[in-house]
Protein backbone atom coordinates (compact mmCIF):
# COMPACT_ATOMS: atom_id res chain seq x y z
CA MET A 1 3.36 5.85 -16.11
CA LYS A 2 6.43 7.05 -14.84
CA ASN A 3 10.09 7.49 -16.49
CA GLU A 4 12.04 5.79 -14.08
CA ASN A 5 10.02 2.33 -15.09
CA ILE A 6 10.60 3.25 -18.49
CA LEU A 7 13.81 0.97 -20.82
CA GLU A 8 14.18 2.95 -23.39
CA ILE A 9 15.99 0.73 -26.41
CA ASP A 10 17.46 1.48 -29.39
CA LYS A 11 16.43 -0.11 -32.17
CA ASN A 12 18.26 1.10 -35.04
CA ILE A 13 18.62 4.95 -36.08
CA SER A 14 15.09 6.28 -36.89
CA ASP A 15 13.20 3.23 -34.58
CA LYS A 16 13.32 3.30 -30.91
CA VAL A 17 11.13 0.12 -28.74
CA ILE A 18 9.87 0.64 -25.61
CA VAL A 19 10.06 -1.60 -23.23
CA VAL A 20 7.40 -1.25 -20.52
CA ASP A 21 8.02 -2.79 -16.58
CA THR A 22 5.26 -4.50 -16.67
CA GLU A 23 5.11 -4.95 -12.91
CA VAL A 24 4.35 -1.60 -12.06
CA GLU A 25 1.38 -1.43 -14.47
CA THR A 26 0.38 -4.64 -12.90
CA ASP A 27 0.73 -2.97 -9.49
CA ASP A 28 -0.84 0.54 -10.26
CA TYR A 29 -3.21 -1.28 -12.18
CA GLU A 30 -4.08 -4.63 -8.92
CA ARG A 31 -4.30 -1.17 -6.49
CA LYS A 32 -6.88 0.48 -8.47
CA LYS A 33 -8.71 -2.42 -9.26
CA PHE A 34 -8.49 -3.01 -4.91
CA PHE A 35 -9.88 0.74 -4.39
CA GLU A 36 -13.14 0.08 -6.81
CA LYS A 37 -13.75 -2.75 -4.64
CA LEU A 38 -13.36 -1.01 -1.64
CA ASN A 39 -15.77 1.79 -2.67
CA ARG A 40 -18.26 -0.41 -3.28
CA ALA A 41 -17.68 -2.19 -0.22
CA LEU A 42 -18.02 0.98 1.43
CA ALA A 43 -20.92 2.73 -0.58
CA LYS A 44 -22.80 -0.81 0.19
CA SER A 45 -22.32 -0.46 3.96
CA GLU A 46 -23.35 3.38 4.00
CA GLU A 47 -26.95 1.92 2.32
CA ASP A 48 -27.11 -0.41 5.33
CA ILE A 49 -27.05 2.21 7.64
CA LYS A 50 -29.44 4.78 5.99
CA TYR A 51 -31.80 1.82 5.57
CA GLY A 52 -31.39 -0.06 9.01
CA ARG A 53 -29.91 -3.51 7.41
CA VAL A 54 -27.30 -3.33 10.48
CA HIS A 55 -26.64 -5.40 14.01
CA SER A 56 -25.27 -3.91 17.03
CA ALA A 57 -22.02 -5.68 17.67
CA GLU A 58 -23.35 -6.65 20.64
CA SER A 59 -26.15 -8.99 19.65
CA VAL A 60 -23.40 -10.69 16.82
CA PHE A 61 -20.82 -10.98 19.76
CA LYS A 62 -23.07 -12.87 21.56
CA GLU A 63 -24.35 -15.08 19.65
CA LEU A 64 -21.27 -15.94 18.36
CA ARG A 65 -19.87 -16.46 21.67
CA GLU A 66 -23.73 -18.83 22.24
CA LYS A 67 -22.42 -20.51 18.90
CA TYR A 68 -18.72 -21.28 19.67
CA GLY A 69 -19.11 -21.54 23.77
CA TYR A 70 -16.46 -18.29 23.17
CA LYS A 71 -16.23 -16.60 26.97
């Protein structure tokens, strides 16, 4: 948490209330979740490559051209 994203409000002489910008926390959380999902997908892709569960790009595009008629 960055200090510039914290707003400190005095409640009284001895107590303070801390108000945190939740948008920043949400952005950080969403970014973390995105990279976790990305890393899982990349790990699965590397495993697919390792075990030969792949297709050549040429064959995939050939199949798409045949299916949808794009030339």
